[in-house]
Amino acid sequence: MTSTAPRPSWEAEPLVPADLHVAVACCRETVLPALDRDWSVPAGSLDWDCRATLDHIGDALASYARQLATRSPTQRPRFRNGDPGADIATLLDEIDSLAHVLVVAAAAAPLEARAYHRMGMADAEGFVAMGCVETLVHTWDVAQGLALELEPPVDLAAKILNRLFPWAPTGHDAWATLLYCAGRAPLGDLPHQHIAWGWHAAPREEWSGVHSPTKFTGNP
C-alpha cells in the first residue's frame, strides 16, 4: 500500500529563483524613503537596530548562496558578517548583489542538490524561500522601527507558507499568516509565538505532517 505525503495547509505555486528578486525589490522600495533617517532605532521587537537588521539580510543571503553553491553538509564559516562601514544605500546594493548570487546558485543547482541549514538539509527551492522570508520579514521589522509603509507581495507570501511553513493556519491573508509563522504578530485568536517558531528547510516532500518544534532562540 502506497503512503501519501502530507499536504501543506497553503496551496501555492512552487518558488522559483526569480522570486527572490521580488522580495529584494520590496525591501528597496520600502526603505528608500528613509535613507537619511536615524537607523539606530530598534527594528520592531528585535534586539537589533534597523541598520543591523538590514545588514543581516545581506549576511543571510551570502550564507545561503555559499551553502548551496558548495553543497556543504555542515555550516561553513562566514565570509560576510556585516558591513559596518556601509551607508544604507550601499547596504541595499549589497543585498541586491547577494540576491543575484543566490539566484544564480539556485538556478544552476540540480534537483538533488542539498546543503546544510540548522532547520534541515535544504534544496535550492528551500534556500530561495529562506532568502525571501529573511528579506521580507526583516524589511517588516525595519518598517516597524522607522514607521514606513510596506506593501508585501501577497502571492509570494503564500508561496513561502507553502514551502517553509506547511503547517501554517488558514483563514487569514497570506502576509498576516507569514508574520504569525515568523513569530512577529498574533493571528486572529492565535497568540504571538515570539521565539517559539521555526520552518521546514528540507524539501517539502520530507515533511512529516506535524508542526516542527521550536528552533529559534533569538533573532533569526
N, C-alpha and C. Protein backbone atom coordinates (compact mmCIF):
# COMPACT_ATOMS: atom_id res chain seq x y z
N MET A 1 0.84 -1.19 0.00
CA MET A 1 0.00 0.00 0.00
C MET A 1 0.89 1.25 0.00
N THR A 2 0.65 2.15 -0.92
CA THR A 2 1.47 3.34 -1.05
C THR A 2 0.98 4.44 -0.12
N SER A 3 1.89 5.01 0.68
CA SER A 3 1.51 6.10 1.57
C SER A 3 1.49 7.41 0.80
N THR A 4 0.64 8.32 1.23
CA THR A 4 0.51 9.62 0.60
C THR A 4 1.20 10.67 1.46
N ALA A 5 2.05 11.48 0.85
CA ALA A 5 2.74 12.53 1.59
C ALA A 5 1.73 13.55 2.10
N PRO A 6 1.94 14.07 3.31
CA PRO A 6 1.01 15.08 3.83
C PRO A 6 1.01 16.33 2.97
N ARG A 7 -0.14 16.95 2.85
CA ARG A 7 -0.27 18.15 2.03
C ARG A 7 -0.11 19.38 2.92
N PRO A 8 0.55 20.43 2.40
CA PRO A 8 0.65 21.67 3.17
C PRO A 8 -0.71 22.33 3.28
N SER A 9 -0.89 23.13 4.31
CA SER A 9 -2.17 23.79 4.52
C SER A 9 -2.43 24.89 3.51
N TRP A 10 -1.35 25.51 2.98
CA TRP A 10 -1.48 26.57 1.99
C TRP A 10 -1.12 26.01 0.62
N GLU A 11 -1.99 26.20 -0.35
CA GLU A 11 -1.73 25.78 -1.71
C GLU A 11 -1.18 26.97 -2.48
N ALA A 12 -0.07 26.77 -3.16
CA ALA A 12 0.56 27.84 -3.93
C ALA A 12 1.50 27.23 -4.95
N GLU A 13 1.86 28.03 -5.93
CA GLU A 13 2.83 27.60 -6.91
C GLU A 13 4.21 27.45 -6.26
N PRO A 14 5.07 26.59 -6.79
CA PRO A 14 6.43 26.47 -6.23
C PRO A 14 7.19 27.78 -6.38
N LEU A 15 8.11 28.00 -5.47
CA LEU A 15 9.01 29.15 -5.58
C LEU A 15 10.01 28.91 -6.70
N VAL A 16 10.38 29.98 -7.38
CA VAL A 16 11.43 29.93 -8.39
C VAL A 16 12.51 30.93 -7.99
N PRO A 17 13.75 30.77 -8.46
CA PRO A 17 14.82 31.67 -8.04
C PRO A 17 14.48 33.15 -8.21
N ALA A 18 13.79 33.51 -9.30
CA ALA A 18 13.48 34.92 -9.54
C ALA A 18 12.57 35.52 -8.48
N ASP A 19 11.88 34.69 -7.70
CA ASP A 19 11.03 35.22 -6.62
C ASP A 19 11.86 36.02 -5.62
N LEU A 20 13.13 35.67 -5.48
CA LEU A 20 13.97 36.41 -4.54
C LEU A 20 14.14 37.86 -4.99
N HIS A 21 14.17 38.10 -6.29
CA HIS A 21 14.26 39.47 -6.79
C HIS A 21 13.02 40.28 -6.39
N VAL A 22 11.87 39.62 -6.36
CA VAL A 22 10.64 40.30 -5.94
C VAL A 22 10.75 40.73 -4.48
N ALA A 23 11.27 39.84 -3.64
CA ALA A 23 11.42 40.17 -2.23
C ALA A 23 12.40 41.33 -2.04
N VAL A 24 13.51 41.30 -2.76
CA VAL A 24 14.52 42.35 -2.62
C VAL A 24 13.99 43.68 -3.14
N ALA A 25 13.21 43.66 -4.22
CA ALA A 25 12.61 44.89 -4.73
C ALA A 25 11.66 45.48 -3.70
N CYS A 26 10.91 44.63 -3.00
CA CYS A 26 10.02 45.10 -1.94
C CYS A 26 10.82 45.77 -0.84
N CYS A 27 11.94 45.17 -0.47
CA CYS A 27 12.80 45.75 0.56
C CYS A 27 13.27 47.14 0.15
N ARG A 28 13.81 47.24 -1.06
CA ARG A 28 14.34 48.53 -1.53
C ARG A 28 13.25 49.59 -1.58
N GLU A 29 12.11 49.26 -2.15
CA GLU A 29 11.03 50.23 -2.28
C GLU A 29 10.52 50.70 -0.91
N THR A 30 10.56 49.79 0.06
CA THR A 30 10.07 50.13 1.39
C THR A 30 10.99 51.11 2.10
N VAL A 31 12.29 50.88 2.03
CA VAL A 31 13.22 51.66 2.86
C VAL A 31 13.83 52.87 2.17
N LEU A 32 13.72 52.97 0.84
CA LEU A 32 14.31 54.11 0.14
C LEU A 32 13.88 55.47 0.70
N PRO A 33 12.61 55.64 1.10
CA PRO A 33 12.23 56.95 1.64
C PRO A 33 12.93 57.31 2.95
N ALA A 34 13.62 56.35 3.56
CA ALA A 34 14.20 56.58 4.88
C ALA A 34 15.72 56.57 4.88
N LEU A 35 16.35 56.80 3.74
CA LEU A 35 17.81 56.71 3.67
C LEU A 35 18.49 57.66 4.66
N ASP A 36 17.90 58.82 4.88
CA ASP A 36 18.54 59.82 5.74
C ASP A 36 17.98 59.83 7.16
N ARG A 37 17.21 58.83 7.50
CA ARG A 37 16.63 58.76 8.85
C ARG A 37 17.64 58.18 9.84
N ASP A 38 17.26 58.17 11.13
CA ASP A 38 18.09 57.59 12.18
C ASP A 38 17.85 56.09 12.23
N TRP A 39 18.81 55.32 11.74
CA TRP A 39 18.68 53.87 11.66
C TRP A 39 19.15 53.16 12.93
N SER A 40 19.45 53.92 13.96
CA SER A 40 19.88 53.31 15.22
C SER A 40 18.70 52.95 16.11
N VAL A 41 17.47 53.22 15.67
CA VAL A 41 16.30 52.88 16.47
C VAL A 41 16.04 51.38 16.37
N PRO A 42 15.38 50.77 17.38
CA PRO A 42 15.12 49.33 17.33
C PRO A 42 14.26 48.95 16.13
N ALA A 43 14.54 47.77 15.59
CA ALA A 43 13.75 47.24 14.48
C ALA A 43 12.61 46.40 15.04
N GLY A 44 11.46 47.03 15.21
CA GLY A 44 10.32 46.31 15.77
C GLY A 44 10.64 45.76 17.14
N SER A 45 10.39 44.47 17.33
CA SER A 45 10.62 43.83 18.63
C SER A 45 11.98 43.16 18.73
N LEU A 46 12.83 43.33 17.70
CA LEU A 46 14.14 42.69 17.72
C LEU A 46 15.10 43.37 18.67
N ASP A 47 16.16 42.66 19.02
CA ASP A 47 17.24 43.25 19.81
C ASP A 47 18.13 44.13 18.94
N TRP A 48 18.07 43.97 17.64
CA TRP A 48 18.90 44.73 16.71
C TRP A 48 18.28 46.08 16.40
N ASP A 49 19.13 47.04 16.01
CA ASP A 49 18.58 48.29 15.48
C ASP A 49 18.28 48.09 13.99
N CYS A 50 17.68 49.12 13.38
CA CYS A 50 17.24 48.97 12.00
C CYS A 50 18.41 48.75 11.04
N ARG A 51 19.53 49.44 11.29
CA ARG A 51 20.66 49.27 10.40
C ARG A 51 21.22 47.85 10.47
N ALA A 52 21.39 47.33 11.68
CA ALA A 52 21.91 45.97 11.85
C ALA A 52 20.97 44.95 11.22
N THR A 53 19.68 45.21 11.30
CA THR A 53 18.69 44.29 10.74
C THR A 53 18.80 44.26 9.22
N LEU A 54 18.93 45.43 8.60
CA LEU A 54 19.11 45.47 7.15
C LEU A 54 20.42 44.79 6.76
N ASP A 55 21.47 45.04 7.50
CA ASP A 55 22.77 44.43 7.23
C ASP A 55 22.68 42.90 7.33
N HIS A 56 21.89 42.43 8.26
CA HIS A 56 21.73 40.99 8.45
C HIS A 56 21.12 40.30 7.23
N ILE A 57 20.25 41.01 6.51
CA ILE A 57 19.68 40.41 5.30
C ILE A 57 20.81 40.00 4.35
N GLY A 58 21.78 40.88 4.19
CA GLY A 58 22.93 40.54 3.35
C GLY A 58 23.68 39.33 3.87
N ASP A 59 23.86 39.26 5.19
CA ASP A 59 24.54 38.10 5.78
C ASP A 59 23.80 36.80 5.45
N ALA A 60 22.47 36.84 5.59
CA ALA A 60 21.67 35.64 5.35
C ALA A 60 21.77 35.20 3.89
N LEU A 61 21.65 36.14 2.96
CA LEU A 61 21.73 35.79 1.54
C LEU A 61 23.10 35.24 1.19
N ALA A 62 24.15 35.85 1.74
CA ALA A 62 25.50 35.36 1.49
C ALA A 62 25.67 33.93 2.01
N SER A 63 25.17 33.69 3.21
CA SER A 63 25.29 32.36 3.81
C SER A 63 24.55 31.32 2.98
N TYR A 64 23.34 31.63 2.55
CA TYR A 64 22.56 30.67 1.78
C TYR A 64 23.23 30.37 0.44
N ALA A 65 23.74 31.41 -0.23
CA ALA A 65 24.40 31.20 -1.51
C ALA A 65 25.64 30.33 -1.35
N ARG A 66 26.43 30.58 -0.31
CA ARG A 66 27.63 29.79 -0.06
C ARG A 66 27.28 28.34 0.24
N GLN A 67 26.30 28.13 1.10
CA GLN A 67 25.93 26.76 1.45
C GLN A 67 25.48 25.98 0.21
N LEU A 68 24.59 26.60 -0.57
CA LEU A 68 24.04 25.90 -1.72
C LEU A 68 25.09 25.66 -2.79
N ALA A 69 25.92 26.66 -3.05
CA ALA A 69 26.93 26.53 -4.10
C ALA A 69 27.95 25.45 -3.78
N THR A 70 28.26 25.27 -2.50
CA THR A 70 29.25 24.28 -2.10
C THR A 70 28.64 22.93 -1.74
N ARG A 71 27.30 22.86 -1.70
CA ARG A 71 26.59 21.63 -1.28
C ARG A 71 27.11 21.14 0.07
N SER A 72 27.41 22.07 0.95
CA SER A 72 28.08 21.70 2.19
C SER A 72 27.14 20.93 3.14
N PRO A 73 27.60 19.81 3.70
CA PRO A 73 26.79 19.07 4.67
C PRO A 73 26.87 19.65 6.08
N THR A 74 27.72 20.66 6.26
CA THR A 74 27.86 21.32 7.56
C THR A 74 27.84 22.83 7.35
N GLN A 75 27.73 23.57 8.44
CA GLN A 75 27.75 25.02 8.35
C GLN A 75 29.15 25.51 8.05
N ARG A 76 29.32 26.23 6.96
CA ARG A 76 30.63 26.74 6.58
C ARG A 76 30.89 28.08 7.26
N PRO A 77 32.17 28.45 7.47
CA PRO A 77 32.49 29.74 8.09
C PRO A 77 31.92 30.90 7.28
N ARG A 78 31.57 31.96 7.97
CA ARG A 78 31.01 33.12 7.30
C ARG A 78 32.06 33.82 6.45
N PHE A 79 31.66 34.28 5.27
CA PHE A 79 32.53 35.18 4.53
C PHE A 79 31.97 36.60 4.53
N ARG A 80 30.78 36.78 5.10
CA ARG A 80 30.23 38.10 5.33
C ARG A 80 29.59 38.11 6.70
N ASN A 81 30.00 39.06 7.54
CA ASN A 81 29.42 39.19 8.87
C ASN A 81 29.19 40.68 9.14
N GLY A 82 28.31 41.24 8.30
CA GLY A 82 28.02 42.66 8.40
C GLY A 82 29.03 43.50 7.64
N ASP A 83 28.62 44.73 7.35
CA ASP A 83 29.48 45.70 6.69
C ASP A 83 29.28 47.03 7.42
N PRO A 84 29.91 47.20 8.59
CA PRO A 84 29.61 48.35 9.45
C PRO A 84 29.97 49.70 8.85
N GLY A 85 30.81 49.73 7.81
CA GLY A 85 31.18 51.00 7.22
C GLY A 85 30.27 51.46 6.10
N ALA A 86 29.33 50.63 5.70
CA ALA A 86 28.48 50.94 4.55
C ALA A 86 27.29 51.80 4.96
N ASP A 87 26.91 52.75 4.10
CA ASP A 87 25.69 53.51 4.35
C ASP A 87 24.49 52.68 3.88
N ILE A 88 23.30 53.18 4.11
CA ILE A 88 22.10 52.39 3.83
C ILE A 88 21.96 52.10 2.35
N ALA A 89 22.24 53.08 1.51
CA ALA A 89 22.14 52.85 0.07
C ALA A 89 23.09 51.75 -0.38
N THR A 90 24.30 51.73 0.19
CA THR A 90 25.26 50.69 -0.16
C THR A 90 24.79 49.33 0.33
N LEU A 91 24.22 49.28 1.52
CA LEU A 91 23.69 48.01 2.01
C LEU A 91 22.61 47.47 1.08
N LEU A 92 21.75 48.34 0.57
CA LEU A 92 20.72 47.89 -0.36
C LEU A 92 21.34 47.33 -1.64
N ASP A 93 22.40 47.97 -2.12
CA ASP A 93 23.08 47.46 -3.30
C ASP A 93 23.73 46.11 -3.01
N GLU A 94 24.28 45.94 -1.81
CA GLU A 94 24.89 44.67 -1.44
C GLU A 94 23.83 43.57 -1.37
N ILE A 95 22.67 43.89 -0.81
CA ILE A 95 21.58 42.91 -0.74
C ILE A 95 21.17 42.49 -2.14
N ASP A 96 21.06 43.46 -3.04
CA ASP A 96 20.68 43.15 -4.42
C ASP A 96 21.73 42.24 -5.06
N SER A 97 23.00 42.56 -4.87
CA SER A 97 24.08 41.76 -5.47
C SER A 97 24.09 40.34 -4.91
N LEU A 98 23.94 40.22 -3.60
CA LEU A 98 23.97 38.89 -2.98
C LEU A 98 22.74 38.08 -3.35
N ALA A 99 21.62 38.74 -3.57
CA ALA A 99 20.44 38.04 -4.06
C ALA A 99 20.70 37.46 -5.45
N HIS A 100 21.38 38.22 -6.30
CA HIS A 100 21.72 37.70 -7.62
C HIS A 100 22.62 36.46 -7.51
N VAL A 101 23.55 36.47 -6.57
CA VAL A 101 24.42 35.31 -6.39
C VAL A 101 23.62 34.08 -5.99
N LEU A 102 22.69 34.26 -5.04
CA LEU A 102 21.86 33.13 -4.61
C LEU A 102 20.95 32.66 -5.74
N VAL A 103 20.40 33.59 -6.51
CA VAL A 103 19.55 33.22 -7.64
C VAL A 103 20.32 32.37 -8.64
N VAL A 104 21.54 32.78 -8.96
CA VAL A 104 22.35 32.02 -9.92
C VAL A 104 22.68 30.64 -9.36
N ALA A 105 23.03 30.58 -8.06
CA ALA A 105 23.35 29.28 -7.45
C ALA A 105 22.13 28.37 -7.46
N ALA A 106 20.95 28.93 -7.18
CA ALA A 106 19.74 28.13 -7.15
C ALA A 106 19.34 27.66 -8.55
N ALA A 107 19.49 28.54 -9.53
CA ALA A 107 19.12 28.18 -10.90
C ALA A 107 20.04 27.09 -11.45
N ALA A 108 21.29 27.09 -11.01
CA ALA A 108 22.26 26.11 -11.52
C ALA A 108 22.22 24.79 -10.76
N ALA A 109 21.60 24.76 -9.60
CA ALA A 109 21.63 23.56 -8.76
C ALA A 109 20.73 22.46 -9.33
N PRO A 110 21.22 21.23 -9.40
CA PRO A 110 20.36 20.13 -9.81
C PRO A 110 19.31 19.84 -8.73
N LEU A 111 18.26 19.13 -9.12
CA LEU A 111 17.16 18.86 -8.20
C LEU A 111 17.63 18.14 -6.94
N GLU A 112 18.65 17.30 -7.09
CA GLU A 112 19.09 16.50 -5.94
C GLU A 112 20.04 17.26 -5.02
N ALA A 113 20.41 18.48 -5.36
CA ALA A 113 21.38 19.24 -4.55
C ALA A 113 20.80 19.54 -3.17
N ARG A 114 21.61 19.33 -2.15
CA ARG A 114 21.23 19.61 -0.77
C ARG A 114 22.41 20.29 -0.07
N ALA A 115 22.10 21.10 0.92
CA ALA A 115 23.13 21.73 1.72
C ALA A 115 22.58 22.01 3.11
N TYR A 116 23.48 22.14 4.05
CA TYR A 116 23.11 22.27 5.46
C TYR A 116 22.43 23.59 5.77
N HIS A 117 21.37 23.49 6.56
CA HIS A 117 20.80 24.61 7.30
C HIS A 117 20.39 24.04 8.64
N ARG A 118 20.43 24.85 9.69
CA ARG A 118 20.15 24.29 11.02
C ARG A 118 18.73 23.79 11.16
N MET A 119 17.85 24.12 10.20
CA MET A 119 16.49 23.60 10.24
C MET A 119 16.24 22.57 9.15
N GLY A 120 17.31 21.94 8.69
CA GLY A 120 17.15 20.85 7.73
C GLY A 120 18.06 20.98 6.54
N MET A 121 18.33 19.88 5.88
CA MET A 121 19.15 19.87 4.66
C MET A 121 18.29 20.39 3.52
N ALA A 122 18.55 21.61 3.10
CA ALA A 122 17.68 22.30 2.16
C ALA A 122 18.08 22.06 0.72
N ASP A 123 17.08 22.13 -0.16
CA ASP A 123 17.32 22.11 -1.59
C ASP A 123 17.34 23.55 -2.10
N ALA A 124 17.47 23.72 -3.42
CA ALA A 124 17.56 25.06 -3.99
C ALA A 124 16.30 25.87 -3.68
N GLU A 125 15.11 25.27 -3.84
CA GLU A 125 13.88 26.00 -3.54
C GLU A 125 13.84 26.43 -2.08
N GLY A 126 14.34 25.56 -1.20
CA GLY A 126 14.36 25.90 0.22
C GLY A 126 15.23 27.11 0.49
N PHE A 127 16.41 27.18 -0.13
CA PHE A 127 17.28 28.33 0.10
C PHE A 127 16.67 29.61 -0.49
N VAL A 128 16.02 29.50 -1.64
CA VAL A 128 15.32 30.67 -2.18
C VAL A 128 14.22 31.12 -1.23
N ALA A 129 13.46 30.17 -0.72
CA ALA A 129 12.38 30.51 0.22
C ALA A 129 12.92 31.17 1.48
N MET A 130 14.01 30.63 2.01
CA MET A 130 14.60 31.22 3.21
C MET A 130 15.14 32.61 2.92
N GLY A 131 15.72 32.81 1.73
CA GLY A 131 16.16 34.15 1.36
C GLY A 131 15.01 35.12 1.28
N CYS A 132 13.88 34.65 0.74
CA CYS A 132 12.69 35.50 0.65
C CYS A 132 12.14 35.86 2.01
N VAL A 133 12.03 34.88 2.90
CA VAL A 133 11.44 35.18 4.20
C VAL A 133 12.37 36.05 5.04
N GLU A 134 13.67 35.83 4.97
CA GLU A 134 14.59 36.69 5.69
C GLU A 134 14.47 38.13 5.19
N THR A 135 14.41 38.29 3.87
CA THR A 135 14.33 39.63 3.29
C THR A 135 13.02 40.32 3.66
N LEU A 136 11.91 39.64 3.47
CA LEU A 136 10.61 40.28 3.68
C LEU A 136 10.32 40.54 5.16
N VAL A 137 10.58 39.55 6.00
CA VAL A 137 10.23 39.72 7.41
C VAL A 137 11.15 40.75 8.07
N HIS A 138 12.43 40.74 7.73
CA HIS A 138 13.31 41.74 8.31
C HIS A 138 13.04 43.14 7.74
N THR A 139 12.57 43.21 6.51
CA THR A 139 12.11 44.51 6.00
C THR A 139 10.92 45.00 6.81
N TRP A 140 10.04 44.09 7.16
CA TRP A 140 8.91 44.45 8.02
C TRP A 140 9.40 44.95 9.38
N ASP A 141 10.42 44.28 9.94
CA ASP A 141 10.98 44.74 11.22
C ASP A 141 11.48 46.18 11.10
N VAL A 142 12.22 46.44 10.02
CA VAL A 142 12.75 47.79 9.81
C VAL A 142 11.61 48.78 9.64
N ALA A 143 10.60 48.39 8.88
CA ALA A 143 9.46 49.28 8.67
C ALA A 143 8.76 49.62 9.97
N GLN A 144 8.70 48.66 10.89
CA GLN A 144 8.11 48.94 12.20
C GLN A 144 8.93 49.98 12.95
N GLY A 145 10.23 49.85 12.89
CA GLY A 145 11.09 50.77 13.62
C GLY A 145 11.10 52.17 13.05
N LEU A 146 10.97 52.28 11.72
CA LEU A 146 11.07 53.58 11.07
C LEU A 146 9.71 54.13 10.63
N ALA A 147 8.64 53.45 11.01
CA ALA A 147 7.28 53.88 10.66
C ALA A 147 7.12 54.02 9.15
N LEU A 148 7.54 53.01 8.42
CA LEU A 148 7.45 53.00 6.97
C LEU A 148 6.28 52.14 6.51
N GLU A 149 5.78 52.44 5.32
CA GLU A 149 4.71 51.64 4.73
C GLU A 149 5.32 50.51 3.92
N LEU A 150 4.88 49.30 4.16
CA LEU A 150 5.35 48.13 3.43
C LEU A 150 4.16 47.52 2.70
N GLU A 151 4.32 47.31 1.40
CA GLU A 151 3.29 46.65 0.60
C GLU A 151 3.82 45.28 0.20
N PRO A 152 3.53 44.27 0.98
CA PRO A 152 4.14 42.96 0.74
C PRO A 152 3.57 42.28 -0.50
N PRO A 153 4.38 41.49 -1.18
CA PRO A 153 3.89 40.69 -2.31
C PRO A 153 3.12 39.48 -1.79
N VAL A 154 1.80 39.59 -1.77
CA VAL A 154 0.96 38.57 -1.12
C VAL A 154 1.12 37.21 -1.79
N ASP A 155 1.21 37.16 -3.12
CA ASP A 155 1.38 35.87 -3.79
C ASP A 155 2.68 35.19 -3.35
N LEU A 156 3.72 35.99 -3.13
CA LEU A 156 4.99 35.43 -2.68
C LEU A 156 4.88 34.93 -1.25
N ALA A 157 4.12 35.64 -0.42
CA ALA A 157 3.91 35.17 0.95
C ALA A 157 3.26 33.80 0.96
N ALA A 158 2.29 33.59 0.08
CA ALA A 158 1.63 32.28 0.00
C ALA A 158 2.60 31.19 -0.44
N LYS A 159 3.49 31.50 -1.37
CA LYS A 159 4.49 30.52 -1.80
C LYS A 159 5.42 30.15 -0.65
N ILE A 160 5.81 31.14 0.15
CA ILE A 160 6.70 30.88 1.29
C ILE A 160 6.01 29.99 2.31
N LEU A 161 4.75 30.28 2.59
CA LEU A 161 4.00 29.45 3.54
C LEU A 161 3.94 28.01 3.05
N ASN A 162 3.66 27.84 1.77
CA ASN A 162 3.55 26.51 1.19
C ASN A 162 4.86 25.73 1.31
N ARG A 163 5.98 26.45 1.16
CA ARG A 163 7.28 25.76 1.15
C ARG A 163 7.91 25.59 2.53
N LEU A 164 7.88 26.65 3.35
CA LEU A 164 8.61 26.61 4.63
C LEU A 164 7.72 26.34 5.83
N PHE A 165 6.45 26.65 5.74
CA PHE A 165 5.54 26.51 6.87
C PHE A 165 4.32 25.68 6.46
N PRO A 166 4.52 24.41 6.12
CA PRO A 166 3.39 23.61 5.62
C PRO A 166 2.29 23.41 6.64
N TRP A 167 2.56 23.70 7.90
CA TRP A 167 1.56 23.58 8.96
C TRP A 167 0.82 24.91 9.21
N ALA A 168 1.07 25.93 8.41
CA ALA A 168 0.53 27.26 8.67
C ALA A 168 -0.99 27.24 8.76
N PRO A 169 -1.55 27.99 9.72
CA PRO A 169 -3.01 28.05 9.82
C PRO A 169 -3.62 28.74 8.61
N THR A 170 -4.86 28.42 8.33
CA THR A 170 -5.57 29.03 7.20
C THR A 170 -6.67 29.96 7.73
N GLY A 171 -7.33 30.65 6.82
CA GLY A 171 -8.44 31.52 7.19
C GLY A 171 -8.08 32.98 7.31
N HIS A 172 -6.82 33.33 7.05
CA HIS A 172 -6.37 34.72 7.10
C HIS A 172 -5.55 34.99 5.85
N ASP A 173 -5.26 36.26 5.58
CA ASP A 173 -4.47 36.54 4.38
C ASP A 173 -3.03 36.03 4.56
N ALA A 174 -2.38 35.83 3.43
CA ALA A 174 -1.07 35.17 3.44
C ALA A 174 -0.02 35.98 4.20
N TRP A 175 0.01 37.28 4.03
CA TRP A 175 1.05 38.08 4.68
C TRP A 175 0.87 38.07 6.19
N ALA A 176 -0.36 38.25 6.68
CA ALA A 176 -0.61 38.19 8.12
C ALA A 176 -0.23 36.83 8.68
N THR A 177 -0.49 35.77 7.90
CA THR A 177 -0.15 34.42 8.34
C THR A 177 1.36 34.23 8.37
N LEU A 178 2.06 34.78 7.39
CA LEU A 178 3.52 34.67 7.39
C LEU A 178 4.12 35.40 8.59
N LEU A 179 3.62 36.58 8.92
CA LEU A 179 4.12 37.30 10.10
C LEU A 179 3.88 36.48 11.37
N TYR A 180 2.74 35.83 11.44
CA TYR A 180 2.46 34.97 12.60
C TYR A 180 3.44 33.79 12.64
N CYS A 181 3.62 33.13 11.50
CA CYS A 181 4.50 31.96 11.46
C CYS A 181 5.95 32.34 11.76
N ALA A 182 6.32 33.56 11.44
CA ALA A 182 7.68 34.04 11.71
C ALA A 182 7.81 34.70 13.07
N GLY A 183 6.83 34.48 13.93
CA GLY A 183 6.94 34.94 15.31
C GLY A 183 6.85 36.44 15.48
N ARG A 184 6.18 37.13 14.53
CA ARG A 184 6.15 38.59 14.60
C ARG A 184 4.86 39.16 15.15
N ALA A 185 3.77 38.44 15.05
CA ALA A 185 2.47 39.03 15.43
C ALA A 185 1.47 37.92 15.71
N PRO A 186 0.42 38.23 16.49
CA PRO A 186 -0.66 37.26 16.66
C PRO A 186 -1.45 37.15 15.36
N LEU A 187 -2.33 36.17 15.28
CA LEU A 187 -3.15 35.96 14.10
C LEU A 187 -4.55 35.58 14.57
N GLY A 188 -5.48 36.52 14.48
CA GLY A 188 -6.82 36.24 14.98
C GLY A 188 -6.77 35.88 16.45
N ASP A 189 -7.27 34.70 16.78
CA ASP A 189 -7.26 34.23 18.17
C ASP A 189 -5.96 33.53 18.55
N LEU A 190 -5.06 33.37 17.60
CA LEU A 190 -3.80 32.70 17.88
C LEU A 190 -2.80 33.69 18.47
N PRO A 191 -2.21 33.37 19.62
CA PRO A 191 -1.32 34.34 20.27
C PRO A 191 0.02 34.47 19.56
N HIS A 192 0.68 35.57 19.81
CA HIS A 192 2.03 35.83 19.30
C HIS A 192 2.96 34.70 19.73
N GLN A 193 3.70 34.11 18.78
CA GLN A 193 4.59 33.00 19.10
C GLN A 193 5.94 33.45 19.66
N HIS A 194 6.29 34.72 19.46
CA HIS A 194 7.59 35.23 19.89
C HIS A 194 8.70 34.34 19.30
N ILE A 195 9.53 33.72 20.11
CA ILE A 195 10.64 32.94 19.55
C ILE A 195 10.27 31.47 19.35
N ALA A 196 9.06 31.08 19.68
CA ALA A 196 8.68 29.66 19.60
C ALA A 196 8.22 29.30 18.19
N TRP A 197 9.15 29.38 17.25
CA TRP A 197 8.79 29.07 15.87
C TRP A 197 10.01 28.60 15.10
N GLY A 198 9.76 27.97 13.99
CA GLY A 198 10.82 27.52 13.10
C GLY A 198 10.22 27.24 11.74
N TRP A 199 11.03 26.79 10.79
CA TRP A 199 10.49 26.45 9.48
C TRP A 199 11.05 25.12 9.02
N HIS A 200 10.53 24.64 7.92
CA HIS A 200 10.92 23.34 7.37
C HIS A 200 11.83 23.59 6.18
N ALA A 201 13.14 23.48 6.39
CA ALA A 201 14.11 23.81 5.35
C ALA A 201 14.27 22.70 4.32
N ALA A 202 14.14 21.46 4.74
CA ALA A 202 14.30 20.33 3.82
C ALA A 202 13.18 20.34 2.78
N PRO A 203 13.34 19.60 1.70
CA PRO A 203 12.26 19.54 0.70
C PRO A 203 10.92 19.22 1.35
N ARG A 204 9.88 19.86 0.85
CA ARG A 204 8.57 19.73 1.49
C ARG A 204 8.09 18.28 1.51
N GLU A 205 8.51 17.50 0.51
CA GLU A 205 8.11 16.09 0.46
C GLU A 205 8.63 15.30 1.66
N GLU A 206 9.62 15.85 2.36
CA GLU A 206 10.17 15.17 3.53
C GLU A 206 9.51 15.62 4.83
N TRP A 207 8.52 16.50 4.74
CA TRP A 207 7.80 16.95 5.94
C TRP A 207 6.98 15.79 6.52
N SER A 208 7.03 15.65 7.83
CA SER A 208 6.37 14.52 8.50
C SER A 208 4.87 14.72 8.65
N GLY A 209 4.39 15.93 8.47
CA GLY A 209 2.96 16.19 8.65
C GLY A 209 2.63 16.83 9.98
N VAL A 210 3.64 17.11 10.81
CA VAL A 210 3.40 17.73 12.10
C VAL A 210 4.19 19.03 12.19
N HIS A 211 3.77 19.91 13.12
CA HIS A 211 4.46 21.17 13.33
C HIS A 211 5.87 20.91 13.86
N SER A 212 6.85 21.61 13.30
CA SER A 212 8.22 21.45 13.79
C SER A 212 8.34 22.03 15.19
N PRO A 213 9.26 21.50 16.01
CA PRO A 213 9.47 22.06 17.34
C PRO A 213 10.13 23.43 17.27
N THR A 214 10.19 24.11 18.41
CA THR A 214 10.85 25.40 18.47
C THR A 214 12.29 25.28 17.98
N LYS A 215 12.67 26.16 17.08
CA LYS A 215 14.03 26.13 16.55
C LYS A 215 14.82 27.38 16.89
N PHE A 216 14.14 28.53 16.85
CA PHE A 216 14.86 29.78 17.08
C PHE A 216 14.97 30.07 18.57
N THR A 217 16.12 30.58 18.98
CA THR A 217 16.32 31.01 20.37
C THR A 217 16.77 32.45 20.43
N GLY A 218 16.57 33.19 19.38
CA GLY A 218 16.96 34.59 19.33
C GLY A 218 16.60 35.18 18.00
N ASN A 219 17.28 36.25 17.60
CA ASN A 219 16.98 36.86 16.31
C ASN A 219 17.25 35.89 15.18
N PRO A 220 16.30 35.75 14.22
CA PRO A 220 16.52 34.87 13.08
C PRO A 220 17.51 35.48 12.12
